[in-house]
Amino acid sequence: MKKLFSLSIIASSILFNHQSRADENYFLNLTRAPYEGNWTYEILKSSITENTNQISLVDTFSRSLNDNVYLENPWIDYSLNKIYFQENEDLFFSGKTKPTGRVRTYSLTDNTWSIETLSSESPDSTLVYTPIKSDYYKAVKSNSSSITTNTSNISTNTTNINKLGEGVAGSTALTAALTALPQTSKDSKLSCGVGTGAYSSRYALGFGCASRLNERVDINAGGSYVFGGSKSYGGGTLDSGVLKAGFVFKLGELNKPNKISFNDKNIIDEKISTLKEDNNNLKAEVEVLKAKNDEIISQNQKLLARLENLENIASKFQSNSEMISVATKD
């Protein structure tokens, strides 16, 4: 023997996790196994597709396994996606039931049962909670409106996320352009430069300068601009330009390189050129002196040869004079 109780005829949909479960109605059926006293509640679902109405079993509740309580006067909470049953018990085997002050709850989300307290301000101790039917048309209209709103919000969020990604790419390009700018000025009092940066199809151009205040302190400033404009992603705006400024402090002993100015270099080059010219003149004079020295050496050699000849003649003449003198004495 079966009794069919209408749980709550849902002429529309139960909204959960933004998924529309259209044309689904729920029913409660109380059945008993043949020749046994094991009464079981069945939660049934009716799914309508075009001209087909399919009744399927959602879950069961056995009275014998749950203190033989009765499930009566069910209602559905759309916001929580749960079915609630007033829990009643036998009233001294009189064929009547009385509330236990609790509800049995079935979650359509995760298909689980739970027990909750049912608190009432009514003085009636045998109060029977008869659900007042909701205007399901309004519920469907409200859910449809929420779905439309959520769809619009998802579309807006998608656009904002895309713009945020473009803005991050632009920020990266701006930073890359800044890193190409001079931080210190080494060879002059003021140094300026132009830098570029590119990332994920976004391009930026930067300009900045660095100045040396003294041997230990340098300052720098600059900025960059990304082409394509700023990006608004809903929660804020990523601008198309950025500025930077900084100080460089040199600590510890300074290693001063041996450097000369441009004027000093010109003077040194001029002196080197003069020295080269003087050296060439000295070489020329040395060559002349060498030639004269060679000529003197040649003349000396000739004079030595003549002197040697004269000495030979004088020696022979002296020898002949002694022979003549000896012959005269004899």
Protein backbone atom coordinates (compact mmCIF):
# COMPACT_ATOMS: atom_id res chain seq x y z
CA MET A 1 0.00 0.00 0.00
CA LYS A 2 1.38 3.35 -1.02
CA LYS A 3 0.53 6.87 -0.08
CA LEU A 4 1.71 9.67 -2.33
CA PHE A 5 2.37 12.98 -0.61
CA SER A 6 3.10 16.06 -2.62
CA LEU A 7 6.41 17.36 -1.29
CA SER A 8 6.40 20.64 -3.10
CA ILE A 9 5.54 20.88 -6.75
CA ILE A 10 8.25 23.10 -8.16
CA ALA A 11 6.98 24.46 -11.43
CA SER A 12 10.28 26.10 -12.15
CA SER A 13 13.91 25.60 -11.16
CA ILE A 14 16.10 25.32 -8.06
CA LEU A 15 19.11 27.55 -8.53
CA PHE A 16 22.47 26.31 -7.18
CA ASN A 17 26.03 27.16 -8.18
CA HIS A 18 24.65 29.28 -11.03
CA GLN A 19 23.24 26.16 -12.81
CA SER A 20 19.59 26.19 -13.79
CA ARG A 21 17.85 22.87 -13.09
CA ALA A 22 14.81 23.64 -15.21
CA ASP A 23 11.53 21.61 -15.17
CA GLU A 24 12.42 19.56 -12.03
CA ASN A 25 9.70 18.79 -9.49
CA TYR A 26 10.13 16.88 -6.22
CA PHE A 27 7.72 14.49 -4.49
CA LEU A 28 7.63 12.44 -1.30
CA ASN A 29 6.36 8.85 -1.39
CA LEU A 30 5.77 6.63 1.68
CA THR A 31 6.07 2.92 0.95
CA ARG A 32 6.21 -0.30 2.98
CA ALA A 33 7.93 -3.58 2.13
CA PRO A 34 5.40 -6.43 1.59
CA TYR A 35 4.38 -8.21 4.82
CA GLU A 36 6.84 -6.07 6.83
CA GLY A 37 6.50 -2.99 8.96
CA ASN A 38 9.55 -1.24 7.50
CA TRP A 39 8.14 2.03 6.26
CA THR A 40 10.43 3.99 3.90
CA TYR A 41 10.14 7.51 2.52
CA GLU A 42 11.26 8.02 -1.08
CA ILE A 43 12.29 11.40 -2.46
CA LEU A 44 11.39 11.41 -6.14
CA LYS A 45 12.30 13.88 -8.85
CA SER A 46 10.34 14.61 -11.98
CA SER A 47 12.40 15.83 -14.94
CA ILE A 48 10.43 17.18 -17.87
CA THR A 49 12.05 17.32 -21.30
CA GLU A 50 9.72 18.41 -24.05
CA ASN A 51 6.91 15.79 -23.96
CA THR A 52 8.68 13.28 -21.69
CA ASN A 53 8.22 13.27 -17.90
CA GLN A 54 10.76 11.05 -16.13
CA ILE A 55 10.36 10.14 -12.45
CA SER A 56 13.66 9.17 -10.79
CA LEU A 57 14.63 8.23 -7.23
CA VAL A 58 16.73 10.82 -5.42
CA ASP A 59 17.15 9.20 -1.97
CA THR A 60 15.34 7.16 0.70
CA PHE A 61 14.67 7.53 4.44
CA SER A 62 13.99 4.42 6.52
CA ARG A 63 11.78 4.93 9.58
CA SER A 64 13.05 1.80 11.31
CA LEU A 65 16.60 3.10 11.13
CA ASN A 66 15.63 6.55 12.43
CA ASP A 67 13.59 5.99 15.63
CA ASN A 68 10.38 5.37 13.60
CA VAL A 69 9.83 9.10 13.17
CA TYR A 70 7.43 10.48 10.59
CA LEU A 71 8.41 13.04 7.94
CA GLU A 72 5.57 15.49 7.35
CA ASN A 73 4.84 18.94 5.94
CA PRO A 74 7.99 19.33 3.77
CA TRP A 75 9.22 22.61 2.32
CA ILE A 76 12.17 23.72 0.18
CA ASP A 77 14.59 26.55 0.94
CA TYR A 78 15.71 27.87 -2.44
CA SER A 79 18.66 29.86 -1.10
CA LEU A 80 20.15 26.85 0.75
CA ASN A 81 19.02 24.25 -1.82
CA LYS A 82 17.64 22.04 0.98
CA ILE A 83 14.40 20.15 1.69
CA TYR A 84 13.07 20.35 5.25
CA PHE A 85 10.70 17.80 6.89
CA GLN A 86 8.82 18.33 10.13
CA GLU A 87 9.77 15.39 12.40
CA ASN A 88 6.81 13.84 14.23
CA GLU A 89 6.36 10.80 16.49
CA ASP A 90 3.46 8.53 17.50
CA LEU A 91 1.11 9.96 20.12
CA PHE A 92 0.57 6.97 22.44
CA PHE A 93 -0.52 4.69 19.60
CA SER A 94 -3.60 6.79 19.02
CA GLY A 95 -3.08 6.99 15.32
CA LYS A 96 -2.00 10.59 15.70
CA THR A 97 1.45 12.21 15.73
CA LYS A 98 3.02 15.09 17.56
CA PRO A 99 6.06 17.28 16.66
CA THR A 100 9.40 16.37 18.18
CA GLY A 101 10.71 19.92 17.92
CA ARG A 102 13.20 18.94 15.23
CA VAL A 103 13.41 18.87 11.45
CA ARG A 104 15.09 16.38 9.18
CA THR A 105 17.00 18.14 6.42
CA TYR A 106 18.04 16.75 3.07
CA SER A 107 20.68 18.67 1.08
CA LEU A 108 20.14 18.57 -2.67
CA THR A 109 23.70 19.83 -3.09
CA ASP A 110 25.67 16.99 -1.53
CA ASN A 111 22.83 14.43 -1.01
CA THR A 112 23.17 14.17 2.79
CA TRP A 113 20.71 14.09 5.73
CA SER A 114 21.00 16.11 8.94
CA ILE A 115 18.95 16.90 12.05
CA GLU A 116 18.21 20.48 13.07
CA THR A 117 16.26 22.11 15.89
CA LEU A 118 12.84 23.53 15.06
CA SER A 119 12.03 26.48 17.29
CA SER A 120 8.58 28.01 17.35
CA GLU A 121 6.91 30.86 19.25
CA SER A 122 3.45 29.25 18.90
CA PRO A 123 1.90 28.05 22.21
CA ASP A 124 0.41 25.04 20.40
CA SER A 125 2.42 21.97 21.49
CA THR A 126 0.94 19.86 18.70
CA LEU A 127 1.47 22.42 16.01
CA VAL A 128 1.35 21.07 12.47
CA TYR A 129 3.42 23.12 10.01
CA THR A 130 1.45 23.21 6.81
CA PRO A 131 3.59 24.93 4.12
CA ILE A 132 2.06 27.87 2.32
CA LYS A 133 2.72 27.48 -1.35
CA SER A 134 5.13 29.99 -2.80
CA ASP A 135 4.58 31.91 -5.97
CA TYR A 136 6.95 29.84 -8.07
CA TYR A 137 6.52 32.16 -11.01
CA LYS A 138 8.11 34.93 -8.96
CA ALA A 139 10.85 32.56 -7.81
CA VAL A 140 11.58 31.59 -11.41
CA LYS A 141 11.52 35.22 -12.46
CA SER A 142 13.88 36.12 -9.61
CA ASN A 143 16.22 33.25 -10.49
CA SER A 144 16.15 34.19 -14.16
CA SER A 145 16.98 37.75 -13.24
CA SER A 146 19.84 36.54 -11.02
CA ILE A 147 21.16 34.35 -13.83
CA THR A 148 21.05 37.29 -16.23
CA THR A 149 22.83 39.47 -13.67
CA ASN A 150 25.45 36.80 -13.03
CA THR A 151 26.00 36.33 -16.76
CA SER A 152 26.50 40.07 -17.16
CA ASN A 153 28.86 40.14 -14.17
CA ILE A 154 30.87 37.21 -15.55
CA SER A 155 31.18 38.99 -18.89
CA THR A 156 32.27 42.18 -17.13
CA ASN A 157 34.76 40.27 -14.99
CA THR A 158 36.19 38.58 -18.08
CA THR A 159 36.66 41.98 -19.73
CA ASN A 160 38.23 43.39 -16.55
CA ILE A 161 40.59 40.42 -16.27
CA ASN A 162 41.69 40.88 -19.89
CA LYS A 163 42.25 44.58 -19.29
CA LEU A 164 44.14 43.79 -16.09
CA GLY A 165 46.42 41.46 -18.05
CA GLU A 166 47.02 44.17 -20.64
CA GLY A 167 47.71 46.65 -17.85
CA VAL A 168 50.24 44.31 -16.22
CA ALA A 169 51.96 43.85 -19.58
CA GLY A 170 52.07 47.64 -19.98
CA SER A 171 53.51 48.04 -16.46
CA THR A 172 56.23 45.53 -17.30
CA ALA A 173 57.07 47.43 -20.48
CA LEU A 174 57.21 50.70 -18.49
CA THR A 175 59.62 49.15 -16.00
CA ALA A 176 61.80 47.74 -18.77
CA ALA A 177 62.04 51.20 -20.35
CA LEU A 178 63.08 52.71 -17.00
CA THR A 179 65.88 50.18 -16.51
CA ALA A 180 67.49 51.36 -19.75
CA LEU A 181 67.93 54.91 -18.41
CA PRO A 182 71.23 56.13 -16.86
CA GLN A 183 71.54 55.81 -13.08
CA THR A 184 74.86 57.64 -12.63
CA SER A 185 76.94 60.10 -14.61
CA LYS A 186 80.57 58.92 -14.97
CA ASP A 187 82.27 60.83 -17.75
CA SER A 188 80.51 64.18 -17.49
CA LYS A 189 78.55 66.39 -15.13
CA LEU A 190 75.23 65.43 -16.76
CA SER A 191 74.22 62.33 -18.73
CA CYS A 192 70.87 61.78 -20.44
CA GLY A 193 69.48 58.78 -22.27
CA VAL A 194 66.48 57.25 -24.03
CA GLY A 195 65.26 53.72 -23.26
CA THR A 196 62.65 51.40 -24.72
CA GLY A 197 60.79 48.42 -23.29
CA ALA A 198 58.49 45.78 -24.77
CA TYR A 199 56.45 42.98 -23.21
CA SER A 200 53.53 40.94 -24.53
CA SER A 201 52.73 43.31 -27.44
CA ARG A 202 52.95 46.43 -25.24
CA TYR A 203 55.70 48.97 -25.97
CA ALA A 204 57.03 51.81 -23.85
CA LEU A 205 59.48 54.68 -24.33
CA GLY A 206 61.50 56.26 -21.52
CA PHE A 207 63.69 59.34 -21.09
CA GLY A 208 65.88 60.25 -18.12
CA CYS A 209 69.02 62.02 -16.92
CA ALA A 210 71.67 61.52 -14.25
CA SER A 211 73.83 64.24 -12.72
CA ARG A 212 76.95 64.07 -10.57
CA LEU A 213 76.63 66.47 -7.65
CA ASN A 214 80.05 65.62 -6.27
CA GLU A 215 82.45 62.72 -6.02
CA ARG A 216 80.14 60.79 -3.71
CA VAL A 217 76.58 61.74 -4.70
CA ASP A 218 74.72 61.23 -8.00
CA ILE A 219 71.06 61.93 -8.67
CA ASN A 220 68.86 60.58 -11.45
CA ALA A 221 65.31 61.17 -12.67
CA GLY A 222 63.24 59.98 -15.57
CA GLY A 223 59.95 58.60 -16.77
CA SER A 224 58.43 56.28 -19.33
CA TYR A 225 55.20 56.12 -21.32
CA VAL A 226 53.47 53.02 -22.65
CA PHE A 227 51.67 53.23 -25.97
CA GLY A 228 48.02 52.22 -26.06
CA GLY A 229 46.78 54.28 -23.12
CA SER A 230 45.78 53.37 -19.56
CA LYS A 231 43.73 50.29 -18.67
CA SER A 232 40.74 50.26 -16.30
CA TYR A 233 40.00 46.80 -14.89
CA GLY A 234 36.99 47.60 -12.70
CA GLY A 235 38.79 47.90 -9.38
CA GLY A 236 41.16 50.66 -10.49
CA THR A 237 43.19 52.03 -13.36
CA LEU A 238 46.71 51.21 -14.52
CA ASP A 239 48.11 54.49 -15.85
CA SER A 240 50.06 54.82 -19.07
CA GLY A 241 53.00 56.73 -17.56
CA VAL A 242 55.43 56.36 -14.68
CA LEU A 243 58.10 58.60 -13.11
CA LYS A 244 61.19 57.74 -11.09
CA ALA A 245 63.88 59.59 -9.13
CA GLY A 246 66.82 58.36 -7.13
CA PHE A 247 70.07 59.13 -5.34
CA VAL A 248 73.35 57.21 -5.51
CA PHE A 249 75.67 57.50 -2.51
CA LYS A 250 79.26 56.25 -2.81
CA LEU A 251 80.62 54.88 0.46
CA GLY A 252 84.16 53.94 1.45
CA GLU A 253 87.42 54.83 -0.28
CA LEU A 254 87.09 56.20 -3.77
CA ASN A 255 89.22 54.70 -6.53
CA LYS A 256 90.02 57.72 -8.63
CA PRO A 257 90.97 56.82 -12.19
CA ASN A 258 93.85 58.67 -13.85
CA LYS A 259 91.94 60.82 -16.27
CA ILE A 260 92.96 64.00 -18.13
CA SER A 261 90.80 66.71 -19.56
CA PHE A 262 90.40 67.40 -23.25
CA ASN A 263 92.52 70.57 -23.02
CA ASP A 264 95.30 68.72 -21.19
CA LYS A 265 95.24 66.10 -23.88
CA ASN A 266 95.65 68.72 -26.60
CA ILE A 267 98.61 70.27 -24.76
CA ILE A 268 100.27 66.90 -24.29
CA ASP A 269 99.71 66.01 -27.95
CA GLU A 270 101.27 69.32 -28.96
CA LYS A 271 104.31 68.72 -26.75
CA ILE A 272 104.71 65.21 -28.09
CA SER A 273 104.57 66.56 -31.61
CA THR A 274 107.30 69.14 -30.73
CA LEU A 275 109.47 66.45 -29.14
CA LYS A 276 109.11 64.30 -32.21
CA GLU A 277 110.18 67.21 -34.40
CA ASP A 278 113.17 67.99 -32.14
CA ASN A 279 114.13 64.35 -32.14
CA ASN A 280 114.05 64.25 -35.91
CA ASN A 281 116.27 67.36 -36.03
CA LEU A 282 118.70 65.78 -33.60
CA LYS A 283 118.83 62.67 -35.72
CA ALA A 284 119.64 64.81 -38.76
CA GLU A 285 122.42 66.64 -36.89
CA VAL A 286 123.79 63.36 -35.62
CA GLU A 287 123.94 62.08 -39.16
CA VAL A 288 125.83 65.19 -40.24
CA LEU A 289 128.26 64.89 -37.33
CA LYS A 290 128.72 61.22 -38.07
CA ALA A 291 129.61 62.05 -41.64
CA LYS A 292 132.10 64.67 -40.50
CA ASN A 293 133.54 62.25 -37.98
CA ASP A 294 133.98 59.63 -40.66
CA GLU A 295 135.72 62.24 -42.83
CA ILE A 296 138.05 63.17 -39.96
CA ILE A 297 138.82 59.53 -39.33
CA SER A 298 139.61 59.10 -43.00
CA GLN A 299 141.93 62.12 -42.96
CA ASN A 300 143.64 60.88 -39.82
CA GLN A 301 144.20 57.53 -41.42
CA LYS A 302 145.76 59.24 -44.41
CA LEU A 303 147.96 61.41 -42.19
CA LEU A 304 149.04 58.36 -40.22
CA ALA A 305 149.98 56.63 -43.44
CA ARG A 306 152.04 59.62 -44.59
CA LEU A 307 153.61 59.89 -41.15
CA GLU A 308 154.57 56.27 -41.29
CA ASN A 309 156.15 56.78 -44.70
CA LEU A 310 158.06 59.77 -43.39
CA GLU A 311 159.29 57.75 -40.45
CA ASN A 312 160.49 55.01 -42.77
CA ILE A 313 162.32 57.56 -44.91
CA ALA A 314 163.84 59.20 -41.87
CA SER A 315 164.93 55.86 -40.53
CA LYS A 316 166.60 54.95 -43.80
CA PHE A 317 168.23 58.37 -44.00
CA GLN A 318 169.60 58.04 -40.50
CA SER A 319 171.00 54.61 -41.24
CA ASN A 320 172.79 55.90 -44.37
CA SER A 321 174.21 58.88 -42.44
CA GLU A 322 175.85 56.54 -39.88
CA MET A 323 177.40 54.45 -42.60
CA ILE A 324 178.81 57.55 -44.27
CA SER A 325 180.21 58.77 -40.95
CA VAL A 326 181.97 55.46 -40.26
CA ALA A 327 183.48 55.38 -43.68
CA THR A 328 184.87 58.90 -43.26
CA LYS A 329 186.63 57.99 -40.00
CA ASP A 330 188.33 55.11 -41.58
